[in-house]
Amino acid sequence: MKKNLDINSAHRLRAANKRNRRALRVKGPGVLGYVSLRYLKPKFKDLKFTYNSFNPTVYSPPELDMYARSNLELFSNFLENLRLSSKYNNHVIISFKGTNKITACAGLRLLAEVSHLLKIHPTLSFGCSFAKKRRNRNKKNDNQIEKALQEIGFFDAIRQPNFLPSRSEGVAVWQQLSGNLADGSLAASLLNNLPSSISKISKSHLYKGAIEAMANSVDHAYPPEEIESSNTENRWWMLVGKKQNSITQIICDLGVGIPVTLPKKHEESTLTTIFRAIGILGSGDAELIHASTFIKRSRTNLPYRGKGGADIRSITEHFPSALLSIRSNRGCYVVAGLDHPGIVSGGYKEIPDAQGREWSASYNGSIHGTMIEWTVSLKDLEA
């Protein structure tokens, strides 16, 4: 009998020792109970769980890019996951750990998306995670994704402090701005920061193109019923930057898209005439975007804004090296100037009878908005 008592006491003693060791490994109670430190990194040792303790993580694709068709479809899926997670949670973590490339167009579209989500979900907040920093051969931290996001104002938009240097080699010098009016002074504030070697006439053409894109966003991208139903605003985002020997200008809006507004703004007979004149056979998003660049009348019929898409298309006429891309919803249309190399790959089809200067693409996923981008060589701009 005494032997059995000794065995039971030994079991109880071992159990008590285990409980004591577990108590030394944990940090404070939370809603989910005690959480072992072995599941937390040391810098998170003071983390406490709340009732919204489950913070979903949305993973960025390997390449944040909208130029190649396959990358754009992955990017649109990423944005859709971001929208769904933001709808049902108060805090969402965006993981860039597997991302090794980010382009300006995708960066601006991501910036617009998080800004929009924070507007329609007042209690929402975002966090970011990045791959562990590694030192390259020059003994510098390789954190190019963070630097690129900082350049375009991403961390300011999500109100997350970032202490990286504001400029670095290898990252283009970008300047970003947004607004809800076709305000010429805003466009001028960005264009005036371009290199002084650019001629006044060239800046004037860029300015007119920017104003036209802003005006289209404000006047047409956001119908009144859309603004009332979605608690949104007719906002646009613009990015201007210099990289290597060219200037790039991008304007983005999250409106209903050109394929939706074009049939509503213009009579069917007008569109049919344009389709026949330029040989468009289909009626998909890419074909409607293509047709929109030939519309010469605006729904507003205002004298100072009468050419619609024609003003934007004229960029390639004024600057022979220019490349103009218009993406909206599930389609894209690209037109190049006469001196452009004329090579556009990544899932784009060359448009017949366009002298190898025009391309289009249709996507499986929608970008839910419109992005207009043109790139012009400094040589053209300085002439």
Protein backbone atom coordinates (compact mmCIF):
# COMPACT_ATOMS: atom_id res chain seq x y z
CA MET A 1 0.00 0.00 0.00
CA LYS A 2 2.82 2.39 0.91
CA LYS A 3 4.54 1.53 -2.39
CA ASN A 4 1.44 2.57 -4.36
CA LEU A 5 1.29 5.90 -2.47
CA ASP A 6 4.93 6.57 -3.31
CA ILE A 7 4.27 5.87 -7.03
CA ASN A 8 1.25 8.23 -7.07
CA SER A 9 3.24 10.93 -5.32
CA ALA A 10 5.99 10.63 -7.90
CA HIS A 11 3.43 11.03 -10.72
CA ARG A 12 1.95 14.10 -9.06
CA LEU A 13 5.41 15.57 -8.54
CA ARG A 14 6.34 15.12 -12.21
CA ALA A 15 3.02 16.67 -13.29
CA ALA A 16 3.60 19.66 -11.01
CA ASN A 17 7.09 20.13 -12.45
CA LYS A 18 5.68 20.10 -15.99
CA ARG A 19 3.09 22.70 -15.09
CA ASN A 20 5.78 24.86 -13.56
CA ARG A 21 7.98 24.64 -16.67
CA ARG A 22 5.03 25.51 -18.89
CA ALA A 23 4.26 28.53 -16.72
CA LEU A 24 7.82 29.77 -17.22
CA ARG A 25 7.46 29.53 -21.00
CA VAL A 26 4.25 31.55 -21.36
CA LYS A 27 3.45 35.23 -21.24
CA GLY A 28 0.18 36.35 -19.72
CA PRO A 29 -3.36 35.24 -20.50
CA GLY A 30 -5.35 36.37 -23.52
CA VAL A 31 -8.76 35.66 -24.93
CA LEU A 32 -7.36 32.49 -26.47
CA GLY A 33 -5.67 31.41 -23.23
CA TYR A 34 -1.95 31.20 -22.50
CA VAL A 35 0.26 31.35 -25.56
CA SER A 36 3.66 29.70 -25.49
CA LEU A 37 6.61 31.89 -26.37
CA ARG A 38 7.99 29.18 -28.59
CA TYR A 39 5.29 30.17 -31.11
CA LEU A 40 6.24 33.84 -30.97
CA LYS A 41 9.39 35.67 -32.02
CA PRO A 42 11.23 37.33 -29.13
CA LYS A 43 10.37 40.84 -30.35
CA PHE A 44 6.68 39.92 -30.01
CA LYS A 45 6.98 38.84 -26.39
CA ASP A 46 4.56 41.53 -25.19
CA LEU A 47 1.89 40.66 -27.74
CA LYS A 48 -1.58 40.19 -26.24
CA PHE A 49 -4.52 38.79 -28.13
CA THR A 50 -7.82 40.64 -28.44
CA TYR A 51 -11.24 39.57 -29.64
CA ASN A 52 -10.02 40.33 -33.21
CA SER A 53 -6.92 38.25 -32.63
CA PHE A 54 -7.23 36.40 -35.95
CA ASN A 55 -5.58 38.77 -38.42
CA PRO A 56 -5.71 37.23 -41.89
CA THR A 57 -2.64 37.45 -44.10
CA VAL A 58 -2.99 38.21 -47.81
CA TYR A 59 0.04 37.09 -49.79
CA SER A 60 1.39 39.24 -52.59
CA PRO A 61 2.34 37.41 -55.82
CA PRO A 62 6.03 36.95 -56.72
CA GLU A 63 5.82 39.82 -59.21
CA LEU A 64 3.58 42.82 -58.56
CA ASP A 65 3.20 43.58 -62.23
CA MET A 66 0.46 44.54 -64.70
CA TYR A 67 2.44 44.47 -67.95
CA ALA A 68 2.52 40.73 -68.59
CA ARG A 69 -0.93 39.19 -68.91
CA SER A 70 -0.19 36.26 -66.58
CA ASN A 71 1.17 38.60 -63.90
CA LEU A 72 -1.84 40.91 -64.17
CA GLU A 73 -4.25 38.02 -63.62
CA LEU A 74 -2.33 36.98 -60.49
CA PHE A 75 -2.34 40.61 -59.36
CA SER A 76 -6.12 40.94 -59.84
CA ASN A 77 -6.64 37.78 -57.73
CA PHE A 78 -4.43 39.30 -55.04
CA LEU A 79 -6.56 42.48 -55.01
CA GLU A 80 -9.74 40.42 -54.78
CA ASN A 81 -8.39 38.53 -51.76
CA LEU A 82 -7.45 41.87 -50.21
CA ARG A 83 -10.99 43.21 -50.71
CA LEU A 84 -12.62 40.12 -49.21
CA SER A 85 -10.32 40.06 -46.18
CA SER A 86 -10.87 43.77 -45.56
CA LYS A 87 -14.63 43.35 -45.67
CA TYR A 88 -14.77 40.92 -42.74
CA ASN A 89 -11.78 41.91 -40.57
CA ASN A 90 -10.54 44.99 -38.76
CA HIS A 91 -6.85 44.31 -39.38
CA VAL A 92 -5.29 42.68 -42.43
CA ILE A 93 -1.62 41.82 -42.92
CA ILE A 94 -0.17 42.06 -46.43
CA SER A 95 2.79 39.72 -46.84
CA PHE A 96 5.45 40.72 -49.36
CA LYS A 97 7.79 37.92 -48.26
CA GLY A 98 7.55 36.12 -51.58
CA THR A 99 7.61 39.25 -53.75
CA ASN A 100 10.80 40.00 -55.66
CA LYS A 101 9.59 42.62 -58.16
CA ILE A 102 7.22 45.58 -58.21
CA THR A 103 6.42 47.83 -61.16
CA ALA A 104 5.10 51.38 -61.05
CA CYS A 105 1.72 50.57 -62.57
CA ALA A 106 0.96 47.77 -60.08
CA GLY A 107 2.33 49.83 -57.21
CA LEU A 108 -0.04 52.71 -57.96
CA ARG A 109 -3.00 50.35 -58.34
CA LEU A 110 -2.21 48.76 -54.96
CA LEU A 111 -1.90 52.21 -53.39
CA ALA A 112 -5.31 53.18 -54.79
CA GLU A 113 -6.86 49.95 -53.51
CA VAL A 114 -5.69 50.27 -49.90
CA SER A 115 -6.65 53.97 -49.85
CA HIS A 116 -10.12 53.08 -51.10
CA LEU A 117 -10.56 50.23 -48.61
CA LEU A 118 -9.54 52.46 -45.69
CA LYS A 119 -12.10 55.01 -46.89
CA ILE A 120 -15.06 52.62 -47.04
CA HIS A 121 -14.06 50.64 -43.90
CA PRO A 122 -13.26 53.25 -41.21
CA THR A 123 -12.19 50.66 -38.61
CA LEU A 124 -9.81 48.86 -40.98
CA SER A 125 -6.04 48.93 -40.63
CA PHE A 126 -3.21 47.28 -42.55
CA GLY A 127 0.11 45.79 -41.56
CA CYS A 128 2.96 44.55 -43.73
CA SER A 129 5.52 41.78 -43.51
CA PHE A 130 8.65 41.43 -45.62
CA ALA A 131 11.29 38.82 -46.22
CA LYS A 132 14.21 38.77 -43.84
CA LYS A 133 16.72 41.38 -44.97
CA ARG A 134 19.87 40.01 -46.52
CA ARG A 135 23.11 41.81 -47.21
CA ASN A 136 24.28 41.83 -50.81
CA ARG A 137 27.88 41.88 -52.01
CA ASN A 138 28.15 45.61 -51.26
CA LYS A 139 27.09 44.91 -47.65
CA LYS A 140 23.83 46.81 -48.09
CA ASN A 141 20.43 45.55 -47.02
CA ASP A 142 18.51 44.25 -50.03
CA ASN A 143 15.06 45.70 -49.29
CA GLN A 144 14.09 47.00 -52.72
CA ILE A 145 10.38 46.12 -52.33
CA GLU A 146 10.11 48.25 -49.19
CA LYS A 147 11.98 51.10 -50.84
CA ALA A 148 9.75 51.02 -53.91
CA LEU A 149 6.59 51.06 -51.77
CA GLN A 150 7.96 53.97 -49.79
CA GLU A 151 8.76 55.88 -52.99
CA ILE A 152 5.12 55.79 -54.12
CA GLY A 153 3.71 56.72 -50.70
CA PHE A 154 2.30 53.31 -49.76
CA PHE A 155 3.29 53.44 -46.08
CA ASP A 156 1.85 56.93 -45.70
CA ALA A 157 -1.45 55.69 -47.15
CA ILE A 158 -1.76 52.84 -44.63
CA ARG A 159 -0.42 55.07 -41.82
CA GLN A 160 2.46 52.74 -41.03
CA PRO A 161 5.80 54.35 -40.14
CA ASN A 162 8.77 53.36 -42.24
CA PHE A 163 12.30 54.51 -41.57
CA LEU A 164 14.04 53.59 -44.80
CA PRO A 165 16.06 56.27 -46.64
CA SER A 166 13.77 58.24 -48.94
CA ARG A 167 15.99 57.83 -52.02
CA SER A 168 18.24 55.00 -53.10
CA GLU A 169 20.06 53.83 -56.18
CA GLY A 170 18.15 51.35 -58.30
CA VAL A 171 14.75 52.73 -57.27
CA ALA A 172 13.15 55.23 -59.63
CA VAL A 173 12.35 58.69 -58.34
CA TRP A 174 8.56 58.73 -58.17
CA GLN A 175 6.17 61.43 -57.05
CA GLN A 176 2.57 60.58 -56.27
CA LEU A 177 -0.56 62.69 -55.88
CA SER A 178 -4.31 62.12 -55.65
CA GLY A 179 -7.43 64.26 -55.73
CA ASN A 180 -11.11 64.38 -56.59
CA LEU A 181 -11.07 67.40 -58.93
CA ALA A 182 -9.56 68.02 -62.36
CA ASP A 183 -7.24 70.56 -60.78
CA GLY A 184 -4.57 71.85 -63.13
CA SER A 185 -2.43 73.14 -60.29
CA LEU A 186 -2.07 69.61 -58.91
CA ALA A 187 -0.88 68.22 -62.23
CA ALA A 188 1.46 71.18 -62.66
CA SER A 189 2.95 70.61 -59.19
CA LEU A 190 4.17 67.18 -60.26
CA LEU A 191 5.23 68.06 -63.79
CA ASN A 192 7.20 71.08 -62.59
CA ASN A 193 9.48 68.72 -60.66
CA LEU A 194 10.60 67.01 -63.87
CA PRO A 195 14.13 67.68 -65.14
CA SER A 196 14.69 71.28 -66.23
CA SER A 197 15.99 70.05 -69.59
CA ILE A 198 12.42 69.18 -70.69
CA SER A 199 11.04 71.86 -73.01
CA LYS A 200 7.98 73.94 -72.15
CA ILE A 201 6.10 72.58 -75.17
CA SER A 202 6.71 69.00 -74.01
CA LYS A 203 5.51 69.82 -70.49
CA SER A 204 2.43 71.42 -72.02
CA HIS A 205 1.55 68.21 -73.90
CA LEU A 206 2.05 66.11 -70.76
CA TYR A 207 -0.04 68.57 -68.78
CA LYS A 208 -2.94 68.41 -71.27
CA GLY A 209 -2.89 64.62 -71.22
CA ALA A 210 -2.92 64.56 -67.42
CA ILE A 211 -5.80 67.05 -67.20
CA GLU A 212 -7.84 65.05 -69.74
CA ALA A 213 -7.33 61.82 -67.77
CA MET A 214 -8.25 63.56 -64.50
CA ALA A 215 -11.35 65.07 -66.05
CA ASN A 216 -12.49 61.72 -67.46
CA SER A 217 -12.09 60.16 -64.00
CA VAL A 218 -14.05 62.90 -62.25
CA ASP A 219 -16.80 63.29 -64.86
CA HIS A 220 -17.36 59.77 -66.17
CA ALA A 221 -15.66 57.05 -64.10
CA TYR A 222 -17.94 57.44 -61.08
CA PRO A 223 -21.66 57.67 -61.95
CA PRO A 224 -23.78 59.27 -59.18
CA GLU A 225 -25.55 56.01 -58.39
CA GLU A 226 -22.20 54.28 -57.90
CA ILE A 227 -21.00 56.92 -55.42
CA GLU A 228 -24.22 56.69 -53.38
CA SER A 229 -24.32 52.89 -53.24
CA SER A 230 -20.66 52.23 -52.39
CA ASN A 231 -19.78 55.16 -50.10
CA THR A 232 -16.93 56.04 -52.45
CA GLU A 233 -15.69 59.26 -54.04
CA ASN A 234 -14.59 60.25 -57.52
CA ARG A 235 -10.90 60.11 -56.72
CA TRP A 236 -7.92 59.68 -59.02
CA TRP A 237 -4.28 58.82 -58.29
CA MET A 238 -1.33 60.02 -60.38
CA LEU A 239 2.28 58.92 -60.42
CA VAL A 240 5.08 60.67 -62.31
CA GLY A 241 8.62 59.41 -62.34
CA LYS A 242 11.96 59.36 -64.13
CA LYS A 243 13.76 56.11 -64.68
CA GLN A 244 16.89 55.77 -66.77
CA ASN A 245 16.26 57.79 -69.95
CA SER A 246 12.48 58.14 -69.91
CA ILE A 247 9.58 59.79 -68.09
CA THR A 248 6.51 57.77 -67.08
CA GLN A 249 3.15 59.21 -66.12
CA ILE A 250 0.30 57.03 -64.78
CA ILE A 251 -3.23 58.00 -63.78
CA CYS A 252 -5.55 55.56 -62.03
CA ASP A 253 -9.20 55.60 -60.95
CA LEU A 254 -11.42 52.94 -59.38
CA GLY A 255 -14.54 53.81 -61.34
CA VAL A 256 -16.84 51.53 -63.30
CA GLY A 257 -14.44 51.43 -66.25
CA ILE A 258 -14.39 52.52 -69.90
CA PRO A 259 -16.23 49.39 -71.15
CA VAL A 260 -19.19 50.36 -68.92
CA THR A 261 -19.25 54.12 -69.49
CA LEU A 262 -18.59 54.18 -73.26
CA PRO A 263 -21.91 52.58 -74.37
CA LYS A 264 -23.79 54.85 -71.93
CA LYS A 265 -22.08 58.06 -73.08
CA HIS A 266 -22.39 57.55 -76.82
CA GLU A 267 -25.10 56.40 -79.18
CA GLU A 268 -24.89 52.94 -80.67
CA SER A 269 -24.67 54.37 -84.19
CA THR A 270 -21.56 56.39 -83.21
CA LEU A 271 -19.81 53.32 -81.83
CA THR A 272 -20.81 51.23 -84.84
CA THR A 273 -19.29 53.82 -87.17
CA ILE A 274 -16.02 53.80 -85.22
CA PHE A 275 -15.91 50.00 -85.08
CA ARG A 276 -16.29 49.78 -88.87
CA ALA A 277 -13.78 52.55 -89.55
CA ILE A 278 -10.96 50.95 -87.55
CA GLY A 279 -11.91 47.34 -88.25
CA ILE A 280 -13.00 46.24 -84.77
CA LEU A 281 -14.87 42.93 -84.89
CA GLY A 282 -15.48 42.06 -81.24
CA SER A 283 -17.18 43.96 -78.43
CA GLY A 284 -15.06 42.95 -75.46
CA ASP A 285 -13.38 45.29 -73.01
CA ALA A 286 -10.20 45.60 -75.09
CA GLU A 287 -12.19 46.52 -78.21
CA LEU A 288 -14.24 49.14 -76.36
CA ILE A 289 -11.06 50.71 -74.93
CA HIS A 290 -9.60 50.83 -78.43
CA ALA A 291 -12.74 52.54 -79.76
CA SER A 292 -12.73 55.08 -76.90
CA THR A 293 -9.46 56.59 -78.18
CA PHE A 294 -11.26 57.67 -81.36
CA ILE A 295 -14.23 59.36 -79.71
CA LYS A 296 -14.13 63.06 -80.59
CA ARG A 297 -17.12 64.23 -78.58
CA SER A 298 -17.44 64.36 -74.81
CA ARG A 299 -20.73 63.79 -73.02
CA THR A 300 -20.32 67.12 -71.22
CA ASN A 301 -19.97 69.04 -74.53
CA LEU A 302 -17.74 71.58 -72.78
CA PRO A 303 -15.64 73.67 -75.19
CA TYR A 304 -12.36 73.21 -73.29
CA ARG A 305 -12.67 69.43 -73.18
CA GLY A 306 -14.12 68.37 -76.49
CA LYS A 307 -11.90 65.59 -77.82
CA GLY A 308 -12.22 62.97 -75.11
CA GLY A 309 -9.83 60.09 -75.67
CA ALA A 310 -8.31 61.76 -78.73
CA ASP A 311 -6.29 64.11 -76.53
CA ILE A 312 -4.72 61.17 -74.72
CA ARG A 313 -4.00 59.31 -77.95
CA SER A 314 -2.23 62.38 -79.34
CA ILE A 315 0.67 61.73 -76.93
CA THR A 316 2.05 59.20 -79.44
CA GLU A 317 1.70 61.75 -82.24
CA HIS A 318 3.56 64.51 -80.42
CA PHE A 319 6.29 62.17 -79.14
CA PRO A 320 7.41 59.48 -81.66
CA SER A 321 9.11 57.42 -78.89
CA ALA A 322 5.99 57.31 -76.69
CA LEU A 323 4.14 54.19 -75.60
CA LEU A 324 0.55 54.64 -74.41
CA SER A 325 -1.26 51.90 -72.46
CA ILE A 326 -4.89 52.01 -71.35
CA ARG A 327 -6.12 49.27 -69.02
CA SER A 328 -9.71 49.11 -67.88
CA ASN A 329 -11.57 46.24 -66.21
CA ARG A 330 -10.76 43.12 -68.27
CA GLY A 331 -9.00 44.66 -71.25
CA CYS A 332 -5.97 46.62 -72.40
CA TYR A 333 -5.08 48.65 -75.49
CA VAL A 334 -1.53 49.75 -76.33
CA VAL A 335 -0.37 52.16 -79.05
CA ALA A 336 3.23 53.16 -79.84
CA GLY A 337 4.79 56.14 -81.59
CA LEU A 338 6.64 55.79 -84.87
CA ASP A 339 10.08 55.71 -83.23
CA HIS A 340 9.17 53.22 -80.51
CA PRO A 341 10.87 49.81 -80.89
CA GLY A 342 7.41 48.32 -81.37
CA ILE A 343 7.90 45.22 -79.22
CA VAL A 344 5.06 44.48 -76.80
CA SER A 345 4.96 40.93 -75.47
CA GLY A 346 3.50 39.09 -72.51
CA GLY A 347 0.14 37.93 -73.89
CA TYR A 348 -0.73 40.85 -76.19
CA LYS A 349 -2.07 40.45 -79.73
CA GLU A 350 -1.01 42.74 -82.53
CA ILE A 351 -3.96 44.60 -84.05
CA PRO A 352 -4.22 44.01 -87.83
CA ASP A 353 -3.61 46.88 -90.27
CA ALA A 354 -1.96 49.04 -87.59
CA GLN A 355 1.59 48.90 -88.99
CA GLY A 356 2.78 46.91 -85.99
CA ARG A 357 2.10 49.84 -83.63
CA GLU A 358 -1.03 48.73 -81.78
CA TRP A 359 -1.80 45.79 -79.49
CA SER A 360 -4.62 44.56 -77.28
CA ALA A 361 -5.15 41.98 -74.56
CA SER A 362 -8.10 40.50 -72.68
CA TYR A 363 -7.81 39.26 -69.11
CA ASN A 364 -9.57 36.63 -67.05
CA GLY A 365 -9.57 38.93 -64.02
CA SER A 366 -10.69 42.55 -63.75
CA ILE A 367 -8.59 45.41 -62.39
CA HIS A 368 -11.86 47.15 -61.34
CA GLY A 369 -10.99 50.56 -62.68
CA THR A 370 -8.95 52.33 -65.34
CA MET A 371 -5.22 53.00 -65.63
CA ILE A 372 -3.74 55.26 -68.31
CA GLU A 373 0.03 55.20 -68.67
CA TRP A 374 2.44 56.78 -71.11
CA THR A 375 6.20 56.59 -71.28
CA VAL A 376 8.27 59.06 -73.32
CA SER A 377 12.03 59.20 -73.84
CA LEU A 378 13.91 62.22 -72.46
CA LYS A 379 15.33 62.77 -75.94
CA ASP A 380 11.83 63.49 -77.28
CA LEU A 381 10.92 65.65 -74.31
CA GLU A 382 14.04 67.78 -74.58
CA ALA A 383 13.56 68.49 -78.30
